[in-house]
Protein backbone atom coordinates (compact mmCIF):
# COMPACT_ATOMS: atom_id res chain seq x y z
CA MET A 1 21.35 31.97 4.94
CA ALA A 2 18.95 29.25 6.12
CA ALA A 3 16.85 26.94 3.99
CA GLU A 4 13.39 28.41 3.35
CA PHE A 5 10.27 26.32 2.73
CA ARG A 6 7.08 27.59 1.12
CA PHE A 7 3.82 25.67 0.97
CA ALA A 8 0.72 25.84 -1.23
CA ASP A 9 -2.39 23.69 -1.57
CA HIS A 10 -3.76 23.69 -5.12
CA GLY A 11 -6.71 21.38 -4.63
CA GLU A 12 -7.68 18.64 -7.05
CA PHE A 13 -5.66 17.30 -9.95
CA PRO A 14 -5.49 17.80 -12.84
CA ALA A 15 -3.84 21.17 -12.37
CA THR A 16 -1.12 23.00 -14.24
CA LEU A 17 1.05 25.63 -12.63
CA GLY A 18 3.50 28.02 -14.15
CA SER A 19 3.55 30.58 -16.92
CA GLY A 20 2.67 28.44 -19.91
CA ASP A 21 6.17 27.12 -20.46
CA THR A 22 6.92 23.42 -20.84
CA PRO A 23 5.98 21.79 -17.52
CA GLY A 24 8.98 21.42 -15.24
CA VAL A 25 7.52 18.39 -13.40
CA LYS A 26 6.06 15.30 -15.02
CA LEU A 27 4.05 12.95 -12.84
CA PHE A 28 3.18 9.42 -13.90
CA MET A 29 0.76 7.23 -11.96
CA VAL A 30 0.22 3.49 -12.39
CA ASP A 31 -2.28 1.38 -10.49
CA THR A 32 -0.66 -2.04 -10.26
CA GLU A 33 -3.94 -3.60 -9.17
CA VAL A 34 -5.56 -3.02 -12.56
CA VAL A 35 -2.55 -2.75 -14.92
CA PRO A 36 -0.93 -6.11 -15.74
CA LEU A 37 2.79 -6.69 -15.52
CA PRO A 38 4.14 -6.01 -19.04
CA ILE A 39 5.09 -9.18 -20.89
CA ASN A 40 8.53 -7.79 -21.75
CA TYR A 41 9.48 -6.73 -18.22
CA LEU A 42 12.33 -9.28 -18.11
CA ASP A 43 13.97 -7.42 -20.99
CA VAL A 44 13.90 -4.15 -19.05
CA VAL A 45 14.14 -4.76 -15.30
CA SER A 46 17.61 -5.66 -14.03
CA VAL A 47 18.58 -8.85 -12.20
CA GLU A 48 19.17 -6.82 -9.01
CA GLU A 49 15.72 -5.24 -9.27
CA ARG A 50 14.12 -8.67 -9.70
CA LYS A 51 16.02 -9.99 -6.67
CA LYS A 52 14.80 -7.05 -4.61
CA ALA A 53 11.22 -7.65 -5.73
CA ASN A 54 11.41 -11.33 -4.84
CA SER A 55 12.52 -10.46 -1.30
CA TYR A 56 9.02 -9.17 -0.51
CA ALA A 57 6.65 -11.49 1.34
CA PHE A 58 3.50 -10.65 -0.64
CA ASP A 59 2.83 -11.11 -4.34
CA TRP A 60 1.30 -7.64 -4.70
CA LEU A 61 4.47 -6.04 -3.33
CA VAL A 62 6.58 -8.10 -5.75
CA LYS A 63 4.44 -6.88 -8.63
CA ARG A 64 4.45 -3.29 -7.40
CA HIS A 65 8.25 -3.16 -7.19
CA LEU A 66 8.70 -4.73 -10.63
CA MET A 67 6.19 -2.38 -12.24
CA GLY A 68 7.62 0.64 -10.47
CA ARG A 69 11.09 -0.09 -11.81
CA PHE A 70 9.79 -1.09 -15.26
CA PHE A 71 7.87 2.14 -15.76
CA LEU A 72 10.60 4.26 -14.16
CA ARG A 73 13.01 2.88 -16.76
CA GLN A 74 10.48 3.50 -19.52
CA VAL A 75 9.90 7.18 -18.72
CA LEU A 76 13.60 7.85 -18.09
CA GLY A 77 14.57 6.07 -21.29
CA ALA A 78 12.08 8.18 -23.25
CA ALA A 79 13.34 11.39 -21.61
CA LEU A 80 16.98 10.59 -22.33
CA ASN A 81 16.46 8.77 -25.64
CA LEU A 82 18.14 5.67 -24.21
CA ASP A 83 17.30 1.99 -24.02
CA PRO A 84 15.37 1.58 -20.73
CA GLY A 85 17.13 -1.71 -20.01
CA SER A 86 20.55 -0.08 -20.28
CA LEU A 87 20.00 2.48 -17.51
CA CYS A 88 22.23 2.27 -14.45
CA PHE A 89 21.13 3.42 -10.99
CA GLU A 90 23.16 4.34 -7.95
CA ARG A 91 22.50 5.71 -4.47
CA ASP A 92 24.18 8.76 -2.96
CA HIS A 93 25.64 8.88 0.54
CA HIS A 94 22.16 9.49 1.96
CA GLY A 95 20.71 6.54 0.05
CA LYS A 96 18.75 8.56 -2.53
CA LEU A 97 18.37 6.74 -5.85
CA GLY A 98 19.66 8.43 -9.00
CA LEU A 99 21.00 7.70 -12.46
CA CYS A 100 24.68 6.81 -12.71
CA GLY A 101 26.68 9.88 -13.64
CA ASN A 102 23.61 11.84 -14.79
CA GLN A 103 22.58 15.24 -13.49
CA ARG A 104 20.24 16.18 -16.34
CA VAL A 105 17.11 14.33 -15.25
CA ASN A 106 16.01 14.04 -11.65
CA PHE A 107 13.37 11.60 -10.48
CA ASN A 108 11.60 10.32 -7.40
CA LEU A 109 9.17 7.50 -6.66
CA SER A 110 6.43 7.11 -4.10
CA TYR A 111 4.06 4.26 -3.28
CA SER A 112 0.67 4.06 -1.61
CA GLY A 113 -0.85 0.62 -1.46
CA ARG A 114 -0.79 -0.73 -5.02
CA VAL A 115 -0.33 2.72 -6.61
CA VAL A 116 3.06 3.89 -7.89
CA LEU A 117 3.81 7.58 -8.54
CA ILE A 118 6.89 8.64 -10.54
CA ALA A 119 8.12 12.24 -10.76
CA LEU A 120 10.61 13.57 -13.34
CA ALA A 121 12.12 17.06 -13.35
CA ASP A 122 15.12 19.08 -14.49
CA PHE A 123 15.87 19.94 -10.84
CA PRO A 124 16.02 18.04 -7.54
CA ILE A 125 12.57 16.77 -6.63
CA GLY A 126 10.76 14.86 -3.93
CA VAL A 127 7.25 13.46 -4.20
CA ASP A 128 4.94 11.61 -1.84
CA ILE A 129 1.51 10.09 -2.31
CA GLU A 130 -0.75 8.74 0.41
CA ARG A 131 -4.26 7.34 0.25
CA ILE A 132 -6.54 9.32 2.55
CA ASN A 133 -7.66 6.74 5.11
CA PRO A 134 -10.15 8.17 7.64
CA THR A 135 -9.92 4.98 9.75
CA PHE A 136 -6.16 5.29 10.23
CA ALA A 137 -5.38 5.99 13.90
CA TYR A 138 -3.36 9.09 13.13
CA GLN A 139 -4.33 10.62 16.49
CA ASP A 140 -1.95 8.16 18.17
CA ILE A 141 1.13 9.50 16.38
CA VAL A 142 0.37 13.19 15.80
CA GLY A 143 2.05 14.27 19.03
CA HIS A 144 5.28 12.47 18.13
CA TYR A 145 5.67 13.38 14.45
CA PHE A 146 4.12 16.85 14.33
CA SER A 147 4.85 20.14 16.03
CA PRO A 148 2.26 21.64 18.42
CA GLU A 149 1.16 24.06 15.68
CA GLU A 150 0.79 21.23 13.18
CA SER A 151 -1.13 19.13 15.71
CA ARG A 152 -3.58 22.00 16.25
CA TYR A 153 -3.93 22.42 12.48
CA ILE A 154 -4.93 18.76 12.13
CA SER A 155 -7.27 18.79 15.14
CA ASN A 156 -9.07 21.96 14.03
CA ALA A 157 -9.42 20.99 10.36
CA ARG A 158 -12.87 20.25 8.97
CA ASP A 159 -11.45 16.95 7.66
CA SER A 160 -8.75 15.94 10.12
CA ALA A 161 -7.75 12.81 8.20
CA ASP A 162 -7.14 14.82 5.04
CA ALA A 163 -5.19 17.43 7.02
CA PHE A 164 -3.02 14.69 8.52
CA PHE A 165 -2.14 13.23 5.13
CA LEU A 166 -1.63 16.69 3.64
CA LEU A 167 1.05 17.52 6.21
CA TRP A 168 2.52 14.02 6.18
CA THR A 169 3.04 14.05 2.41
CA ARG A 170 4.67 17.47 2.67
CA LYS A 171 7.17 16.25 5.23
CA GLU A 172 7.98 13.17 3.15
CA ALA A 173 8.31 15.19 -0.06
CA VAL A 174 10.64 17.71 1.59
CA LEU A 175 12.88 15.00 3.01
CA LYS A 176 13.01 13.14 -0.30
CA ALA A 177 13.76 16.33 -2.23
CA VAL A 178 16.71 17.33 -0.06
CA GLY A 179 17.83 13.70 -0.11
CA ILE A 180 18.36 13.10 3.58
CA GLY A 181 15.72 10.42 4.15
CA LEU A 182 13.49 10.06 7.19
CA VAL A 183 14.62 11.62 10.44
CA ASP A 184 13.68 10.51 13.93
CA ASP A 185 12.52 13.97 14.97
CA LEU A 186 10.03 14.38 12.12
CA HIS A 187 8.22 17.13 14.06
CA THR A 188 11.10 19.47 13.14
CA VAL A 189 10.36 19.16 9.41
CA PRO A 190 8.15 22.13 8.40
CA SER A 191 4.82 21.52 6.67
CA ILE A 192 2.45 24.48 7.16
CA ARG A 193 3.84 27.92 6.47
CA THR A 194 6.93 29.66 5.15
CA SER A 195 9.75 28.77 7.49
CA HIS A 196 13.50 29.26 7.68
CA VAL A 197 15.34 26.20 8.92
CA ARG A 198 19.05 25.69 9.53
CA ASP A 199 18.80 22.12 10.77
CA MET A 200 16.16 19.55 9.90
CA GLY A 201 16.08 16.95 12.59
CA SER A 202 19.62 15.65 13.03
CA LYS A 203 20.70 16.65 9.48
CA ARG A 204 22.13 20.00 8.46
CA LEU A 205 20.60 21.61 5.37
CA SER A 206 22.19 23.73 2.69
CA SER A 207 20.64 27.14 2.04
CA GLY A 208 18.01 27.73 -0.62
CA THR A 209 14.29 28.07 -1.23
CA TRP A 210 12.10 24.99 -1.47
CA GLN A 211 8.56 25.11 -2.84
CA VAL A 212 6.10 22.42 -1.72
CA ASN A 213 2.87 22.15 -3.72
CA SER A 214 0.08 19.83 -2.59
CA TYR A 215 -2.92 18.33 -4.38
CA THR A 216 -5.70 15.83 -3.98
CA PHE A 217 -6.43 13.25 -6.63
CA ALA A 218 -9.83 11.63 -7.21
CA GLY A 219 -10.77 12.68 -3.68
CA ARG A 220 -8.82 9.65 -2.39
CA PHE A 221 -5.14 10.59 -2.43
CA ARG A 222 -2.93 13.36 -1.17
CA ILE A 223 0.11 14.24 -3.30
CA SER A 224 2.89 16.69 -2.42
CA ILE A 225 5.80 17.81 -4.60
CA ALA A 226 8.91 19.55 -3.28
CA CYS A 227 11.55 21.23 -5.42
CA PRO A 228 14.03 24.14 -5.24
CA THR A 229 12.05 26.52 -7.41
CA ALA A 230 9.01 28.67 -6.76
CA CYS A 231 7.34 28.45 -10.18
CA TYR A 232 6.94 25.39 -12.35
CA GLY A 233 4.36 23.54 -14.36
CA VAL A 234 2.96 20.08 -13.57
CA ASP A 235 1.96 17.52 -16.18
CA PHE A 236 0.02 14.50 -14.85
CA SER A 237 -0.67 11.27 -16.72
CA PHE A 238 -1.47 7.59 -16.24
CA LEU A 239 0.72 4.70 -17.33
CA GLY A 240 -0.41 1.34 -18.60
CA ASP A 241 -3.79 2.42 -19.99
């Protein structure tokens, strides 16, 4: 049995999907341009995370990395009833970040400019956020990263820039959910309609059904969420207010 991918566009956040049960996905957004770095971040962020942040060339990237890891630890600590500073992270053989020895809470991060998006779920999850930039020269890369059908979808869309970022976030979310990272032949990653795929780029996939739900936020961002379940709720909130 091949891996199957299903796609849906639910329009503008806030939106809640599912049957009224406790939301299966929690999304947390923080705008590091307007939210200050918490005064106690040194008590929470690890030495390794601070070293990684300081390797960036620009101050805003340093701050974004520190705040991303600070708030990731905060929401995970709250979910697990643990001290955020005590959490241990590790990467799997594909490089996907996870909690040491924990399978109960899954998470994923995405960045767009100074915005950080954190996703938590009880199942594997991938999330991607991109600011819709109509001046981005996406026409120059569509032929390389998208299939002919996807290229036509973007070209024929009423808002081609939005269509580009819609499909791009879906591809990123799918890859992050299955944990294989970016592939060179990104045009092989599905992003439009239900498709059955045995191989994704150069990586072989296990069987299963993956649901990809897409949204806009504030008319300025595209967000896509990928997970191995067809029905779940989404809870969306800001951090640092």
